Amino acid sequence: MKTLRFAVFGTGFWSRFQIPGWLECPGVELVAVYNRTRAKAESTAHRFKVPRVYEDPAQLLAEENLDFVDIITDVDTHLPFAEMAARRGVNVVCQKPLAASYPEAKRLLELTEQAGVQLFVNENFRWQAPIRAVKEVMDSGAIGDVFKARVSFCSGFPVFDNQPFLKELDRFILTDIGSHILDICRFLLGEAKSLRCLTRRVNPGIRGEDVATVLMEMENGAHCFAEMSYASILEKEVFPQTLVLIEGSRGSIRLEADYRLNVTTRQGTTTRQIDPPTYSWADPEYAVAHASIVDAQRNILEGLRGGKAETTGRDNFETVKLVWASYASAERDRLIFLKDFDPA
């Protein structure tokens, strides 16, 4: 198996988890890191024994022989950095959200396809062990034909403490958590036909919305209710867990707090505990999120080696479309039909 050489753009908060996630996968070598603040790049390079550090992304791409670059920088830089890499014939892995706007996401997808390079999105929530278990039960046929679903991420976790820049975003929860939750909806139920969205800002100290509710009719006829909040003060704080209820013609699946998976039919309920894997570098409090990074990146490596990957740029663009169609619905106060949606 050929060793794939890669570089990381951005050595901020999420690089602490994405880099060791890559290093859990055999057949990869991290050869360089870039950050606009060199001291941060040097600290990361020291921690992970990376041989070279750059504060100029163009110089890195010119001097390194790479199979791919992982872009973990602020969303505003995704498009220009991806374009730099594509011009050099370097495959691109990008943090979600793919870009700062729908037109930029569309442009990023188009330019990588035109350059003939592969584009993947580091979308890890669908790779969480409990979410994969829900999908396995659905695919088994145990609950029959699915007609309704609820996917919920509601929390009062102080997310702005670790990532203060989120306070300044004009559009917050739909691009941040919505990118994950709407992708889970697609993973479980397929593509959406139409949606209606409501948003609200509860926290007066932020610019964007911190509550969003999206009701979708899926192409298969199922109804899907997606809810997300960073303003919820609840009896049990479950961050960073996603809770799921799937209803079918012969039963239901409920993913409850702390990874309890209940499958109910007319014969009764069976319960399984779906604990995520643990890694020495991962925060045990966020094991479900951090462990899924490894599985997401392992699948991306399969794609880079010519196999099948789930979170390609082309696939993730459908999630991008749901995010921006949700904003359009909230702003225009109306139902959005996805086949007609293209604000670019």
Protein backbone atom coordinates (compact mmCIF):
# COMPACT_ATOMS: atom_id res chain seq x y z
CA MET A 1 0.00 0.00 0.00
CA LYS A 2 1.45 3.32 -1.08
CA THR A 3 2.08 5.77 1.73
CA LEU A 4 0.09 8.96 1.09
CA ARG A 5 1.95 12.16 1.91
CA PHE A 6 -0.12 15.07 3.17
CA ALA A 7 0.05 18.52 4.70
CA VAL A 8 -2.30 20.27 7.11
CA PHE A 9 -3.42 23.85 6.60
CA GLY A 10 -4.41 25.33 9.95
CA THR A 11 -3.14 24.33 13.39
CA GLY A 12 -5.96 25.66 15.54
CA PHE A 13 -8.43 23.90 17.83
CA TRP A 14 -9.61 21.08 15.54
CA SER A 15 -6.13 20.16 14.36
CA ARG A 16 -5.56 18.70 17.84
CA PHE A 17 -7.97 15.93 16.91
CA GLN A 18 -7.85 15.67 13.13
CA ILE A 19 -4.08 15.21 13.02
CA PRO A 20 -3.99 12.30 15.51
CA GLY A 21 -7.06 10.92 13.71
CA TRP A 22 -5.03 10.72 10.49
CA LEU A 23 -2.11 9.18 12.35
CA GLU A 24 -4.34 6.32 13.56
CA CYS A 25 -4.69 5.28 9.90
CA PRO A 26 -1.93 3.17 8.33
CA GLY A 27 -0.23 4.33 5.17
CA VAL A 28 -0.16 8.11 5.69
CA GLU A 29 2.67 10.52 6.43
CA LEU A 30 2.19 14.10 7.63
CA VAL A 31 5.12 15.97 6.09
CA ALA A 32 4.27 19.64 6.70
CA VAL A 33 1.95 22.04 8.51
CA TYR A 34 0.94 25.59 7.67
CA ASN A 35 -0.45 28.31 9.92
CA ARG A 36 -0.47 32.07 9.45
CA THR A 37 0.95 32.35 12.98
CA ARG A 38 4.21 30.44 12.74
CA ALA A 39 4.50 29.80 16.48
CA LYS A 40 1.25 27.82 16.42
CA ALA A 41 2.47 25.77 13.49
CA GLU A 42 5.78 25.08 15.24
CA SER A 43 4.01 23.98 18.41
CA THR A 44 1.83 21.55 16.43
CA ALA A 45 4.82 20.28 14.46
CA HIS A 46 6.69 19.59 17.70
CA ARG A 47 3.72 17.77 19.24
CA PHE A 48 3.20 15.47 16.25
CA LYS A 49 6.81 15.26 15.02
CA VAL A 50 6.09 16.96 11.71
CA PRO A 51 9.35 17.71 9.86
CA ARG A 52 8.50 21.03 8.17
CA VAL A 53 6.61 24.22 9.05
CA TYR A 54 5.36 26.98 6.74
CA GLU A 55 3.69 30.35 7.18
CA ASP A 56 3.14 30.69 3.42
CA PRO A 57 0.69 28.16 1.92
CA ALA A 58 1.88 28.79 -1.62
CA GLN A 59 5.46 28.01 -0.61
CA LEU A 60 4.35 24.78 1.06
CA LEU A 61 2.54 23.61 -2.06
CA ALA A 62 5.49 24.56 -4.26
CA GLU A 63 8.10 22.76 -2.18
CA GLU A 64 6.29 19.64 -0.95
CA ASN A 65 5.40 16.50 -2.91
CA LEU A 66 1.86 15.83 -1.67
CA ASP A 67 -0.96 13.39 -2.32
CA PHE A 68 -3.46 15.58 -0.48
CA VAL A 69 -3.86 18.57 1.79
CA ASP A 70 -6.25 18.75 4.77
CA ILE A 71 -7.72 22.25 5.13
CA ILE A 72 -8.71 22.95 8.75
CA THR A 73 -8.59 26.75 8.58
CA ASP A 74 -11.42 29.28 8.97
CA VAL A 75 -14.23 28.80 6.47
CA ASP A 76 -13.40 32.00 4.56
CA THR A 77 -10.08 30.47 3.48
CA HIS A 78 -11.42 27.13 2.22
CA LEU A 79 -12.02 28.27 -1.35
CA PRO A 80 -8.68 30.05 -1.95
CA PHE A 81 -6.66 27.28 -0.30
CA ALA A 82 -8.51 24.57 -2.23
CA GLU A 83 -7.89 26.48 -5.45
CA MET A 84 -4.16 26.73 -4.66
CA ALA A 85 -3.98 22.98 -4.11
CA ALA A 86 -6.08 22.13 -7.17
CA ARG A 87 -3.82 24.21 -9.42
CA ARG A 88 -0.91 22.06 -8.23
CA GLY A 89 -2.84 18.84 -8.88
CA VAL A 90 -3.10 18.09 -5.15
CA ASN A 91 -6.21 16.35 -3.82
CA VAL A 92 -8.23 18.30 -1.24
CA VAL A 93 -9.74 17.28 2.08
CA CYS A 94 -11.71 20.13 3.63
CA GLN A 95 -13.26 20.79 7.01
CA LYS A 96 -16.98 21.47 7.06
CA PRO A 97 -18.73 23.73 6.25
CA LEU A 98 -17.34 23.46 2.75
CA ALA A 99 -17.37 27.22 2.14
CA ALA A 100 -18.68 30.49 3.54
CA SER A 101 -21.57 30.69 1.07
CA TYR A 102 -23.49 28.54 -1.38
CA PRO A 103 -21.86 30.15 -4.46
CA GLU A 104 -18.39 29.64 -2.96
CA ALA A 105 -19.15 26.00 -2.19
CA LYS A 106 -20.36 25.50 -5.75
CA ARG A 107 -17.23 27.18 -7.10
CA LEU A 108 -14.98 25.04 -4.89
CA LEU A 109 -16.64 21.87 -6.15
CA GLU A 110 -16.42 22.98 -9.77
CA LEU A 111 -12.78 24.05 -9.68
CA THR A 112 -11.61 20.76 -8.14
CA GLU A 113 -13.58 18.77 -10.70
CA GLN A 114 -12.22 20.90 -13.54
CA ALA A 115 -8.67 20.41 -12.23
CA GLY A 116 -9.20 16.65 -12.04
CA VAL A 117 -8.40 16.43 -8.32
CA GLN A 118 -10.42 14.62 -5.69
CA LEU A 119 -12.40 16.58 -3.10
CA PHE A 120 -13.54 15.15 0.22
CA VAL A 121 -15.19 16.78 3.23
CA ASN A 122 -14.13 15.78 6.73
CA GLU A 123 -17.75 15.17 7.76
CA ASN A 124 -17.50 12.88 10.77
CA PHE A 125 -20.93 12.90 12.47
CA ARG A 126 -22.39 10.24 10.14
CA TRP A 127 -19.44 8.06 11.19
CA GLN A 128 -20.30 8.11 14.90
CA ALA A 129 -20.71 4.54 16.13
CA PRO A 130 -24.29 5.07 17.44
CA ILE A 131 -25.40 6.68 14.15
CA ARG A 132 -23.93 3.79 12.13
CA ALA A 133 -25.79 1.38 14.43
CA VAL A 134 -29.10 3.18 13.76
CA LYS A 135 -28.50 2.85 10.01
CA GLU A 136 -27.67 -0.85 10.33
CA VAL A 137 -31.00 -1.52 12.08
CA MET A 138 -32.86 0.50 9.45
CA ASP A 139 -31.18 -1.42 6.63
CA SER A 140 -31.99 -4.75 8.30
CA GLY A 141 -35.70 -4.14 7.74
CA ALA A 142 -36.50 -4.74 11.41
CA ILE A 143 -38.80 -1.71 11.66
CA GLY A 144 -40.24 -1.90 8.15
CA ASP A 145 -40.72 1.13 5.92
CA VAL A 146 -39.63 4.37 7.56
CA PHE A 147 -42.22 7.15 7.50
CA LYS A 148 -40.96 9.63 10.13
CA ALA A 149 -37.73 10.65 11.84
CA ARG A 150 -36.46 13.13 14.40
CA VAL A 151 -32.77 14.08 14.64
CA SER A 152 -31.92 16.30 17.60
CA PHE A 153 -28.84 18.20 18.77
CA CYS A 154 -29.95 20.50 21.60
CA SER A 155 -27.51 21.71 24.22
CA GLY A 156 -26.49 24.51 26.54
CA PHE A 157 -22.80 23.72 26.14
CA PRO A 158 -20.62 26.88 26.13
CA VAL A 159 -19.27 26.26 22.64
CA PHE A 160 -18.02 29.85 22.38
CA ASP A 161 -15.43 29.29 25.12
CA ASN A 162 -13.30 26.98 22.93
CA GLN A 163 -14.16 28.69 19.64
CA PRO A 164 -14.83 32.39 20.38
CA PHE A 165 -14.86 33.29 16.67
CA LEU A 166 -18.25 31.58 16.44
CA LYS A 167 -19.77 34.55 18.28
CA GLU A 168 -18.98 36.80 15.34
CA LEU A 169 -20.57 34.69 12.61
CA ASP A 170 -23.62 36.26 10.95
CA ARG A 171 -24.85 32.71 10.32
CA PHE A 172 -24.05 30.27 13.07
CA ILE A 173 -25.90 27.12 14.06
CA LEU A 174 -27.06 25.95 10.63
CA THR A 175 -23.56 26.22 9.17
CA ASP A 176 -21.87 24.84 12.30
CA ILE A 177 -24.02 22.04 13.74
CA GLY A 178 -26.57 22.08 10.92
CA SER A 179 -23.91 20.88 8.49
CA HIS A 180 -23.58 17.77 10.67
CA ILE A 181 -27.23 17.21 11.57
CA LEU A 182 -28.59 17.69 8.07
CA ASP A 183 -25.89 15.35 6.77
CA ILE A 184 -27.05 12.71 9.27
CA CYS A 185 -30.60 13.15 7.95
CA ARG A 186 -29.37 12.51 4.40
CA PHE A 187 -27.28 9.53 5.52
CA LEU A 188 -30.24 7.90 7.24
CA LEU A 189 -33.10 8.85 4.91
CA GLY A 190 -31.70 9.92 1.55
CA GLU A 191 -32.27 13.22 -0.21
CA ALA A 192 -34.86 15.84 0.68
CA LYS A 193 -37.65 16.95 -1.62
CA SER A 194 -38.66 20.11 0.27
CA LEU A 195 -38.06 21.87 3.58
CA ARG A 196 -39.36 24.57 5.89
CA CYS A 197 -37.07 26.19 8.44
CA LEU A 198 -37.41 28.52 11.44
CA THR A 199 -34.42 30.16 13.15
CA ARG A 200 -33.93 32.30 16.25
CA ARG A 201 -31.16 34.00 18.23
CA VAL A 202 -31.58 33.49 21.99
CA ASN A 203 -28.08 34.42 23.20
CA PRO A 204 -27.79 38.24 22.99
CA GLY A 205 -24.00 38.04 22.94
CA ILE A 206 -23.71 36.47 19.48
CA ARG A 207 -24.47 37.70 15.96
CA GLY A 208 -25.95 34.63 14.33
CA GLU A 209 -28.80 32.24 15.09
CA ASP A 210 -28.36 29.68 17.89
CA VAL A 211 -31.65 27.81 17.35
CA ALA A 212 -32.92 26.22 14.13
CA THR A 213 -35.76 23.84 13.35
CA VAL A 214 -36.05 22.19 9.94
CA LEU A 215 -38.95 20.06 8.71
CA MET A 216 -38.22 18.08 5.53
CA GLU A 217 -40.18 15.86 3.22
CA MET A 218 -37.72 13.34 1.86
CA GLU A 219 -37.80 11.99 -1.68
CA ASN A 220 -38.90 8.60 -0.32
CA GLY A 221 -41.92 10.26 1.32
CA ALA A 222 -40.64 10.15 4.91
CA HIS A 223 -41.01 13.20 7.12
CA CYS A 224 -37.83 14.31 8.89
CA PHE A 225 -37.69 16.80 11.76
CA ALA A 226 -34.21 18.18 12.49
CA GLU A 227 -33.70 20.41 15.51
CA MET A 228 -30.57 22.09 16.77
CA SER A 229 -29.87 24.52 19.60
CA TYR A 230 -27.03 25.91 21.68
CA ALA A 231 -29.50 27.74 23.95
CA SER A 232 -31.19 24.73 25.58
CA ILE A 233 -30.99 24.40 29.37
CA LEU A 234 -32.18 20.83 29.85
CA GLU A 235 -32.53 18.35 32.70
CA LYS A 236 -29.69 16.29 31.19
CA GLU A 237 -26.90 17.87 29.17
CA VAL A 238 -25.89 15.41 26.46
CA PHE A 239 -23.35 17.43 24.41
CA PRO A 240 -21.94 16.35 21.99
CA GLN A 241 -24.45 13.56 21.43
CA THR A 242 -27.04 13.43 18.65
CA LEU A 243 -30.37 11.85 19.61
CA VAL A 244 -32.47 10.08 17.00
CA LEU A 245 -35.98 8.63 16.69
CA ILE A 246 -36.88 6.63 13.58
CA GLU A 247 -40.43 5.36 13.08
CA GLY A 248 -41.31 2.60 10.67
CA SER A 249 -44.31 0.52 9.68
CA ARG A 250 -43.25 -2.35 11.95
CA GLY A 251 -41.46 -0.56 14.77
CA SER A 252 -39.14 2.22 15.86
CA ILE A 253 -35.53 2.94 16.73
CA ARG A 254 -34.62 5.36 19.50
CA LEU A 255 -31.03 6.48 20.07
CA GLU A 256 -31.14 7.87 23.60
CA ALA A 257 -28.65 9.72 25.77
CA ASP A 258 -25.41 7.92 26.59
CA TYR A 259 -25.57 5.73 23.48
CA ARG A 260 -28.51 3.49 24.38
CA LEU A 261 -30.12 2.09 21.25
CA ASN A 262 -33.68 0.84 21.68
CA VAL A 263 -35.46 -1.09 18.94
CA THR A 264 -39.20 -1.52 19.52
CA THR A 265 -41.63 -3.74 17.63
CA ARG A 266 -44.98 -5.24 18.63
CA GLN A 267 -42.98 -8.06 20.20
CA GLY A 268 -41.27 -5.66 22.64
CA THR A 269 -38.12 -3.59 23.03
CA THR A 270 -34.50 -4.67 22.82
CA THR A 271 -31.73 -2.41 24.10
CA ARG A 272 -28.07 -2.25 23.11
CA GLN A 273 -25.27 -0.07 24.42
CA ILE A 274 -23.27 1.44 21.51
CA ASP A 275 -20.21 2.96 23.16
CA PRO A 276 -17.77 4.75 20.84
CA PRO A 277 -14.15 3.62 20.55
CA THR A 278 -11.64 5.45 22.73
CA TYR A 279 -8.22 6.86 21.84
CA SER A 280 -5.48 8.17 24.10
CA TRP A 281 -5.49 11.59 22.39
CA ALA A 282 -9.27 12.04 22.50
CA ASP A 283 -11.14 13.82 25.26
CA PRO A 284 -13.27 11.10 26.94
CA GLU A 285 -16.13 13.60 27.29
CA TYR A 286 -16.23 13.92 23.48
CA ALA A 287 -15.28 10.37 22.53
CA VAL A 288 -18.28 9.96 20.22
CA ALA A 289 -17.17 12.93 18.13
CA HIS A 290 -13.41 12.41 18.29
CA ALA A 291 -13.52 8.67 17.53
CA SER A 292 -15.68 9.27 14.48
CA ILE A 293 -12.92 11.45 13.02
CA VAL A 294 -10.80 8.32 12.63
CA ASP A 295 -13.54 6.42 10.80
CA ALA A 296 -14.33 9.38 8.55
CA GLN A 297 -10.69 9.83 7.62
CA ARG A 298 -10.15 6.11 7.10
CA ASN A 299 -13.01 6.18 4.59
CA ILE A 300 -11.54 9.24 2.87
CA LEU A 301 -8.24 7.40 2.48
CA GLU A 302 -10.13 4.57 0.77
CA GLY A 303 -11.43 7.14 -1.70
CA LEU A 304 -7.97 8.58 -2.26
CA ARG A 305 -6.74 5.08 -3.06
CA GLY A 306 -9.42 4.53 -5.67
CA GLY A 307 -12.10 2.95 -3.50
CA LYS A 308 -15.51 4.26 -2.48
CA ALA A 309 -15.77 7.17 -0.04
CA GLU A 310 -19.02 8.56 1.35
CA THR A 311 -18.22 12.21 2.02
CA THR A 312 -17.01 13.28 -1.38
CA GLY A 313 -17.32 16.93 -2.36
CA ARG A 314 -20.14 16.05 -4.73
CA ASP A 315 -22.06 14.21 -2.00
CA ASN A 316 -21.47 16.87 0.64
CA PHE A 317 -22.68 19.56 -1.73
CA GLU A 318 -26.18 18.13 -1.21
CA THR A 319 -25.78 18.83 2.52
CA VAL A 320 -24.54 22.33 1.68
CA LYS A 321 -27.69 22.80 -0.37
CA LEU A 322 -29.85 21.84 2.64
CA VAL A 323 -28.04 24.34 4.88
CA TRP A 324 -28.52 27.26 2.51
CA ALA A 325 -32.04 26.25 1.55
CA SER A 326 -32.83 26.31 5.28
CA TYR A 327 -31.56 29.89 5.52
CA ALA A 328 -33.57 30.83 2.45
CA SER A 329 -36.71 29.30 3.95
CA ALA A 330 -36.26 31.12 7.26
CA GLU A 331 -35.53 34.45 5.59
CA ARG A 332 -38.32 34.21 3.01
CA ASP A 333 -40.81 32.57 5.39
CA ARG A 334 -41.77 29.87 2.92
CA LEU A 335 -41.39 26.30 1.80
CA ILE A 336 -38.34 25.58 -0.37
CA PHE A 337 -38.33 22.88 -3.06
CA LEU A 338 -34.83 21.51 -3.42
CA LYS A 339 -35.02 20.74 -7.14
CA ASP A 340 -35.54 24.45 -7.83
CA PHE A 341 -33.02 25.76 -5.30
CA ASP A 342 -29.87 27.39 -6.67
CA PRO A 343 -29.19 30.87 -5.26
CA ALA A 344 -25.80 31.02 -6.99
